[in-house]
Amino acid sequence: MATRVSKAKQVREKLRKLALDLPEASEDFPWGERVVKVHKKIFAFLGRDMDPHFGLGLKLKASHAQALAQPFASPMRYGLGKSGWISARFEAGATPPFVMLKAWLLESYCAVAPKGLAERAVPSSFVDRRDGVYRQR
């Protein structure tokens, strides 16, 4: 009998695939948690496969305040929240806002990736890069 995958886990898998499609992104499993890195630097925490919920950690600059206004988001623990990292948590029955999370994933990649890779990921015609922050035009 096939098990049904929750909407939250489906969104997680879509985000994982998008993250791995970004220039020079790779997957790793430190601390038993799935993460995606660029140049050995984590830009997305995707939680543990065995957890019933879907947890996501991203580094946000431009969207940080907006993210923290969401009921599912909070500053990331272990002092990472002070550096712009947020945690988002969705229970198995939840339907995460995919479009918003996709934009945050790209923002996190651009916050961590070297400038040249970030520019390859986001065409310059799409963003305005000031003060190290990518903003949609």
N, C-alpha and C. Protein backbone atom coordinates (compact mmCIF):
# COMPACT_ATOMS: atom_id res chain seq x y z
N MET A 1 0.83 -1.16 0.00
CA MET A 1 0.00 0.00 0.00
C MET A 1 0.89 1.25 0.00
N ALA A 2 0.61 2.16 -0.89
CA ALA A 2 1.41 3.38 -0.98
C ALA A 2 1.01 4.35 0.13
N THR A 3 1.99 5.04 0.68
CA THR A 3 1.70 6.04 1.69
C THR A 3 1.47 7.38 1.01
N ARG A 4 0.59 8.16 1.57
CA ARG A 4 0.27 9.46 1.01
C ARG A 4 1.25 10.50 1.54
N VAL A 5 1.81 11.28 0.66
CA VAL A 5 2.76 12.32 1.05
C VAL A 5 1.99 13.60 1.31
N SER A 6 2.25 14.24 2.45
CA SER A 6 1.55 15.47 2.81
C SER A 6 1.90 16.60 1.85
N LYS A 7 1.00 17.60 1.79
CA LYS A 7 1.25 18.79 0.97
C LYS A 7 2.56 19.46 1.40
N ALA A 8 2.77 19.51 2.72
CA ALA A 8 3.99 20.15 3.23
C ALA A 8 5.22 19.44 2.71
N LYS A 9 5.22 18.11 2.71
CA LYS A 9 6.38 17.35 2.22
C LYS A 9 6.52 17.50 0.70
N GLN A 10 5.40 17.64 -0.02
CA GLN A 10 5.46 17.86 -1.47
C GLN A 10 6.12 19.20 -1.77
N VAL A 11 5.75 20.22 -1.02
CA VAL A 11 6.37 21.54 -1.20
C VAL A 11 7.85 21.46 -0.86
N ARG A 12 8.19 20.75 0.19
CA ARG A 12 9.60 20.59 0.56
C ARG A 12 10.39 19.97 -0.59
N GLU A 13 9.84 18.94 -1.21
CA GLU A 13 10.55 18.28 -2.31
C GLU A 13 10.69 19.21 -3.51
N LYS A 14 9.68 20.00 -3.81
CA LYS A 14 9.78 20.98 -4.91
C LYS A 14 10.88 22.00 -4.61
N LEU A 15 10.91 22.49 -3.37
CA LEU A 15 11.93 23.47 -2.99
C LEU A 15 13.32 22.85 -3.03
N ARG A 16 13.43 21.61 -2.61
CA ARG A 16 14.72 20.90 -2.66
C ARG A 16 15.23 20.83 -4.10
N LYS A 17 14.36 20.45 -5.02
CA LYS A 17 14.75 20.34 -6.43
C LYS A 17 15.15 21.71 -6.99
N LEU A 18 14.39 22.74 -6.66
CA LEU A 18 14.73 24.10 -7.11
C LEU A 18 16.09 24.53 -6.56
N ALA A 19 16.32 24.25 -5.28
CA ALA A 19 17.58 24.63 -4.66
C ALA A 19 18.76 23.94 -5.34
N LEU A 20 18.59 22.66 -5.64
CA LEU A 20 19.69 21.91 -6.27
C LEU A 20 19.91 22.29 -7.72
N ASP A 21 18.94 22.96 -8.33
CA ASP A 21 19.10 23.46 -9.70
C ASP A 21 19.86 24.78 -9.76
N LEU A 22 20.07 25.42 -8.62
CA LEU A 22 20.81 26.69 -8.60
C LEU A 22 22.29 26.43 -8.86
N PRO A 23 23.00 27.40 -9.44
CA PRO A 23 24.41 27.20 -9.79
C PRO A 23 25.27 26.72 -8.62
N GLU A 24 25.94 25.60 -8.83
CA GLU A 24 26.91 25.01 -7.90
C GLU A 24 26.32 24.64 -6.55
N ALA A 25 25.03 24.40 -6.49
CA ALA A 25 24.39 23.96 -5.24
C ALA A 25 24.63 22.47 -5.04
N SER A 26 24.74 22.07 -3.78
CA SER A 26 24.93 20.65 -3.45
C SER A 26 24.19 20.35 -2.15
N GLU A 27 23.86 19.07 -1.98
CA GLU A 27 23.12 18.63 -0.80
C GLU A 27 24.07 17.98 0.20
N ASP A 28 23.76 18.16 1.47
CA ASP A 28 24.57 17.57 2.53
C ASP A 28 23.64 17.21 3.69
N PHE A 29 24.14 16.42 4.65
CA PHE A 29 23.33 15.95 5.77
C PHE A 29 24.05 16.10 7.11
N PRO A 30 24.46 17.33 7.46
CA PRO A 30 25.07 17.50 8.78
C PRO A 30 24.00 17.38 9.87
N TRP A 31 24.37 16.89 11.00
CA TRP A 31 23.46 16.79 12.15
C TRP A 31 22.21 15.97 11.84
N GLY A 32 22.23 15.15 10.79
CA GLY A 32 21.06 14.36 10.41
C GLY A 32 19.98 15.16 9.72
N GLU A 33 20.28 16.38 9.37
CA GLU A 33 19.32 17.27 8.72
C GLU A 33 19.73 17.51 7.27
N ARG A 34 18.75 17.59 6.38
CA ARG A 34 19.00 17.85 4.97
C ARG A 34 19.25 19.35 4.78
N VAL A 35 20.39 19.70 4.16
CA VAL A 35 20.70 21.10 3.87
C VAL A 35 21.16 21.20 2.41
N VAL A 36 21.07 22.41 1.87
CA VAL A 36 21.60 22.68 0.54
C VAL A 36 22.62 23.79 0.69
N LYS A 37 23.77 23.59 0.05
CA LYS A 37 24.90 24.50 0.18
C LYS A 37 25.33 25.05 -1.18
N VAL A 38 26.01 26.17 -1.14
CA VAL A 38 26.72 26.70 -2.29
C VAL A 38 28.11 27.06 -1.78
N HIS A 39 29.13 26.52 -2.43
CA HIS A 39 30.52 26.72 -2.00
C HIS A 39 30.71 26.41 -0.51
N LYS A 40 30.18 25.29 -0.08
CA LYS A 40 30.31 24.79 1.29
C LYS A 40 29.59 25.63 2.34
N LYS A 41 28.77 26.59 1.90
CA LYS A 41 28.00 27.42 2.83
C LYS A 41 26.52 27.06 2.70
N ILE A 42 25.88 26.80 3.82
CA ILE A 42 24.46 26.44 3.81
C ILE A 42 23.61 27.66 3.44
N PHE A 43 22.67 27.46 2.51
CA PHE A 43 21.70 28.52 2.23
C PHE A 43 20.27 28.05 2.49
N ALA A 44 20.07 26.74 2.71
CA ALA A 44 18.73 26.25 3.03
C ALA A 44 18.81 25.03 3.94
N PHE A 45 18.12 25.12 5.06
CA PHE A 45 17.92 23.97 5.94
C PHE A 45 16.56 23.39 5.58
N LEU A 46 16.49 22.10 5.26
CA LEU A 46 15.23 21.49 4.84
C LEU A 46 14.70 20.45 5.81
N GLY A 47 15.25 20.38 6.99
CA GLY A 47 14.73 19.49 8.01
C GLY A 47 15.17 18.05 7.86
N ARG A 48 14.57 17.21 8.68
CA ARG A 48 14.89 15.78 8.67
C ARG A 48 13.78 15.02 7.96
N ASP A 49 14.16 14.03 7.19
CA ASP A 49 13.18 13.27 6.41
C ASP A 49 12.14 12.58 7.27
N MET A 50 12.52 12.13 8.46
CA MET A 50 11.60 11.35 9.29
C MET A 50 10.61 12.21 10.07
N ASP A 51 10.80 13.52 10.11
CA ASP A 51 9.88 14.38 10.85
C ASP A 51 8.52 14.45 10.16
N PRO A 52 7.43 14.41 10.91
CA PRO A 52 6.10 14.48 10.30
C PRO A 52 5.79 15.88 9.75
N HIS A 53 6.44 16.90 10.29
CA HIS A 53 6.23 18.27 9.82
C HIS A 53 7.32 18.63 8.80
N PHE A 54 7.18 19.80 8.20
CA PHE A 54 8.18 20.32 7.27
C PHE A 54 8.74 21.58 7.89
N GLY A 55 10.03 21.58 8.13
CA GLY A 55 10.71 22.75 8.66
C GLY A 55 11.71 23.27 7.63
N LEU A 56 11.85 24.58 7.59
CA LEU A 56 12.71 25.21 6.60
C LEU A 56 13.46 26.35 7.27
N GLY A 57 14.74 26.48 6.99
CA GLY A 57 15.54 27.59 7.50
C GLY A 57 16.21 28.30 6.34
N LEU A 58 16.06 29.62 6.29
CA LEU A 58 16.60 30.42 5.19
C LEU A 58 17.20 31.72 5.72
N LYS A 59 18.20 32.24 5.00
CA LYS A 59 18.80 33.53 5.36
C LYS A 59 18.15 34.61 4.50
N LEU A 60 17.47 35.53 5.14
CA LEU A 60 16.76 36.58 4.41
C LEU A 60 17.26 37.96 4.82
N LYS A 61 17.37 38.83 3.85
CA LYS A 61 17.73 40.22 4.12
C LYS A 61 16.52 41.11 3.81
N ALA A 62 16.17 41.23 2.55
CA ALA A 62 15.07 42.10 2.14
C ALA A 62 13.73 41.65 2.70
N SER A 63 13.50 40.36 2.80
CA SER A 63 12.20 39.83 3.22
C SER A 63 12.15 39.44 4.70
N HIS A 64 13.19 39.73 5.45
CA HIS A 64 13.28 39.26 6.83
C HIS A 64 12.08 39.70 7.68
N ALA A 65 11.76 40.99 7.68
CA ALA A 65 10.64 41.50 8.49
C ALA A 65 9.32 40.91 8.02
N GLN A 66 9.13 40.82 6.72
CA GLN A 66 7.91 40.24 6.15
C GLN A 66 7.78 38.78 6.59
N ALA A 67 8.87 38.06 6.56
CA ALA A 67 8.85 36.65 6.94
C ALA A 67 8.45 36.49 8.40
N LEU A 68 9.04 37.29 9.27
CA LEU A 68 8.75 37.17 10.70
C LEU A 68 7.32 37.58 11.05
N ALA A 69 6.64 38.28 10.14
CA ALA A 69 5.24 38.64 10.35
C ALA A 69 4.30 37.47 10.06
N GLN A 70 4.82 36.42 9.43
CA GLN A 70 4.00 35.24 9.11
C GLN A 70 3.84 34.37 10.36
N PRO A 71 2.66 33.77 10.54
CA PRO A 71 2.43 32.97 11.74
C PRO A 71 3.28 31.69 11.82
N PHE A 72 3.81 31.25 10.71
CA PHE A 72 4.60 30.01 10.68
C PHE A 72 6.09 30.26 10.81
N ALA A 73 6.51 31.52 10.90
CA ALA A 73 7.95 31.85 10.90
C ALA A 73 8.40 32.42 12.23
N SER A 74 9.68 32.19 12.53
CA SER A 74 10.30 32.74 13.74
C SER A 74 11.80 32.87 13.49
N PRO A 75 12.49 33.67 14.32
CA PRO A 75 13.95 33.75 14.17
C PRO A 75 14.55 32.37 14.40
N MET A 76 15.54 32.01 13.64
CA MET A 76 16.18 30.71 13.78
C MET A 76 16.94 30.66 15.10
N ARG A 77 16.93 29.50 15.72
CA ARG A 77 17.60 29.32 17.01
C ARG A 77 19.12 29.28 16.86
N TYR A 78 19.77 29.04 17.96
CA TYR A 78 21.23 28.93 18.04
C TYR A 78 21.94 30.23 17.62
N GLY A 79 21.26 31.35 17.79
CA GLY A 79 21.85 32.64 17.48
C GLY A 79 21.84 33.00 16.01
N LEU A 80 21.34 32.12 15.15
CA LEU A 80 21.32 32.41 13.71
C LEU A 80 20.30 33.49 13.35
N GLY A 81 19.25 33.62 14.16
CA GLY A 81 18.24 34.64 13.90
C GLY A 81 18.82 36.04 13.90
N LYS A 82 19.89 36.26 14.67
CA LYS A 82 20.53 37.58 14.71
C LYS A 82 21.20 37.93 13.39
N SER A 83 21.49 36.91 12.58
CA SER A 83 22.15 37.13 11.29
C SER A 83 21.18 37.06 10.13
N GLY A 84 19.88 37.13 10.41
CA GLY A 84 18.89 37.15 9.34
C GLY A 84 18.26 35.81 9.00
N TRP A 85 18.60 34.76 9.74
CA TRP A 85 18.04 33.44 9.45
C TRP A 85 16.66 33.32 10.09
N ILE A 86 15.72 32.75 9.32
CA ILE A 86 14.38 32.50 9.84
C ILE A 86 14.09 31.00 9.75
N SER A 87 13.21 30.55 10.63
CA SER A 87 12.70 29.18 10.59
C SER A 87 11.23 29.25 10.23
N ALA A 88 10.80 28.38 9.34
CA ALA A 88 9.38 28.25 9.00
C ALA A 88 9.00 26.80 9.29
N ARG A 89 7.85 26.61 9.91
CA ARG A 89 7.42 25.26 10.28
C ARG A 89 5.98 25.05 9.83
N PHE A 90 5.77 23.91 9.19
CA PHE A 90 4.45 23.54 8.68
C PHE A 90 4.12 22.12 9.11
N GLU A 91 2.98 21.95 9.75
CA GLU A 91 2.55 20.62 10.15
C GLU A 91 2.14 19.82 8.92
N ALA A 92 2.02 18.52 9.06
CA ALA A 92 1.74 17.62 7.94
C ALA A 92 0.48 18.02 7.18
N GLY A 93 -0.54 18.53 7.84
CA GLY A 93 -1.79 18.90 7.16
C GLY A 93 -1.79 20.28 6.54
N ALA A 94 -0.74 21.04 6.75
CA ALA A 94 -0.68 22.42 6.24
C ALA A 94 -0.35 22.44 4.76
N THR A 95 -0.74 23.55 4.11
CA THR A 95 -0.36 23.79 2.72
C THR A 95 0.55 25.02 2.71
N PRO A 96 1.86 24.81 2.68
CA PRO A 96 2.80 25.94 2.71
C PRO A 96 2.64 26.83 1.47
N PRO A 97 2.89 28.15 1.62
CA PRO A 97 2.78 29.09 0.50
C PRO A 97 4.00 28.94 -0.43
N PHE A 98 3.87 28.06 -1.41
CA PHE A 98 5.00 27.70 -2.27
C PHE A 98 5.65 28.90 -2.95
N VAL A 99 4.85 29.78 -3.53
CA VAL A 99 5.42 30.91 -4.29
C VAL A 99 6.27 31.79 -3.37
N MET A 100 5.77 32.05 -2.17
CA MET A 100 6.53 32.87 -1.21
C MET A 100 7.82 32.16 -0.81
N LEU A 101 7.73 30.88 -0.50
CA LEU A 101 8.91 30.12 -0.07
C LEU A 101 9.93 30.00 -1.19
N LYS A 102 9.46 29.88 -2.41
CA LYS A 102 10.37 29.82 -3.57
C LYS A 102 11.16 31.13 -3.68
N ALA A 103 10.48 32.26 -3.52
CA ALA A 103 11.17 33.56 -3.58
C ALA A 103 12.17 33.68 -2.43
N TRP A 104 11.79 33.22 -1.25
CA TRP A 104 12.70 33.27 -0.10
C TRP A 104 13.90 32.36 -0.31
N LEU A 105 13.69 31.21 -0.93
CA LEU A 105 14.79 30.29 -1.21
C LEU A 105 15.82 30.97 -2.11
N LEU A 106 15.36 31.63 -3.15
CA LEU A 106 16.26 32.33 -4.06
C LEU A 106 16.97 33.48 -3.34
N GLU A 107 16.25 34.19 -2.50
CA GLU A 107 16.86 35.28 -1.73
C GLU A 107 17.96 34.75 -0.82
N SER A 108 17.70 33.61 -0.20
CA SER A 108 18.69 33.01 0.70
C SER A 108 19.93 32.58 -0.09
N TYR A 109 19.72 31.99 -1.24
CA TYR A 109 20.84 31.59 -2.10
C TYR A 109 21.69 32.82 -2.42
N CYS A 110 21.03 33.90 -2.84
CA CYS A 110 21.74 35.12 -3.22
C CYS A 110 22.46 35.76 -2.04
N ALA A 111 21.93 35.57 -0.83
CA ALA A 111 22.57 36.13 0.37
C ALA A 111 23.85 35.39 0.73
N VAL A 112 23.94 34.12 0.33
CA VAL A 112 25.07 33.27 0.72
C VAL A 112 26.06 33.05 -0.41
N ALA A 113 25.58 32.96 -1.63
CA ALA A 113 26.43 32.64 -2.78
C ALA A 113 27.37 33.79 -3.13
N PRO A 114 28.52 33.46 -3.71
CA PRO A 114 29.37 34.52 -4.24
C PRO A 114 28.60 35.34 -5.28
N LYS A 115 28.93 36.62 -5.40
CA LYS A 115 28.19 37.54 -6.26
C LYS A 115 28.00 37.01 -7.68
N GLY A 116 29.04 36.45 -8.28
CA GLY A 116 28.94 35.96 -9.65
C GLY A 116 27.92 34.84 -9.80
N LEU A 117 27.86 33.94 -8.83
CA LEU A 117 26.88 32.86 -8.88
C LEU A 117 25.47 33.39 -8.64
N ALA A 118 25.34 34.33 -7.72
CA ALA A 118 24.03 34.92 -7.45
C ALA A 118 23.50 35.61 -8.70
N GLU A 119 24.36 36.28 -9.43
CA GLU A 119 23.94 36.96 -10.64
C GLU A 119 23.57 35.97 -11.74
N ARG A 120 24.21 34.81 -11.74
CA ARG A 120 23.82 33.76 -12.70
C ARG A 120 22.45 33.18 -12.36
N ALA A 121 22.14 33.13 -11.09
CA ALA A 121 20.86 32.57 -10.64
C ALA A 121 19.70 33.53 -10.88
N VAL A 122 20.00 34.83 -10.78
CA VAL A 122 18.96 35.85 -10.93
C VAL A 122 19.42 36.84 -11.98
N PRO A 123 18.75 36.89 -13.12
CA PRO A 123 19.15 37.85 -14.16
C PRO A 123 19.11 39.28 -13.64
N SER A 124 20.08 40.09 -14.04
CA SER A 124 20.16 41.47 -13.55
C SER A 124 18.93 42.28 -13.95
N SER A 125 18.24 41.90 -15.03
CA SER A 125 17.03 42.62 -15.43
C SER A 125 15.88 42.38 -14.46
N PHE A 126 15.99 41.38 -13.62
CA PHE A 126 14.93 41.01 -12.68
C PHE A 126 15.12 41.64 -11.31
N VAL A 127 16.35 41.96 -10.96
CA VAL A 127 16.61 42.46 -9.61
C VAL A 127 17.41 43.74 -9.62
N ASP A 128 17.32 44.43 -8.51
CA ASP A 128 18.11 45.63 -8.25
C ASP A 128 18.98 45.28 -7.06
N ARG A 129 20.29 45.24 -7.23
CA ARG A 129 21.18 44.84 -6.15
C ARG A 129 21.84 46.07 -5.54
N ARG A 130 21.35 46.44 -4.36
CA ARG A 130 21.93 47.55 -3.61
C ARG A 130 22.24 47.07 -2.21
N ASP A 131 23.35 47.49 -1.66
CA ASP A 131 23.70 47.15 -0.28
C ASP A 131 23.74 45.65 -0.03
N GLY A 132 24.07 44.87 -1.05
CA GLY A 132 24.17 43.43 -0.88
C GLY A 132 22.82 42.73 -0.78
N VAL A 133 21.74 43.44 -1.10
CA VAL A 133 20.39 42.86 -1.01
C VAL A 133 19.78 42.81 -2.40
N TYR A 134 19.20 41.69 -2.76
CA TYR A 134 18.52 41.56 -4.03
C TYR A 134 17.06 41.95 -3.84
N ARG A 135 16.61 42.90 -4.67
CA ARG A 135 15.21 43.35 -4.62
C ARG A 135 14.61 43.17 -6.00
N GLN A 136 13.39 42.68 -6.03
CA GLN A 136 12.72 42.54 -7.32
C GLN A 136 12.40 43.90 -7.89
N ARG A 137 12.64 44.08 -9.19
CA ARG A 137 12.34 45.37 -9.84
C ARG A 137 10.89 45.43 -10.22
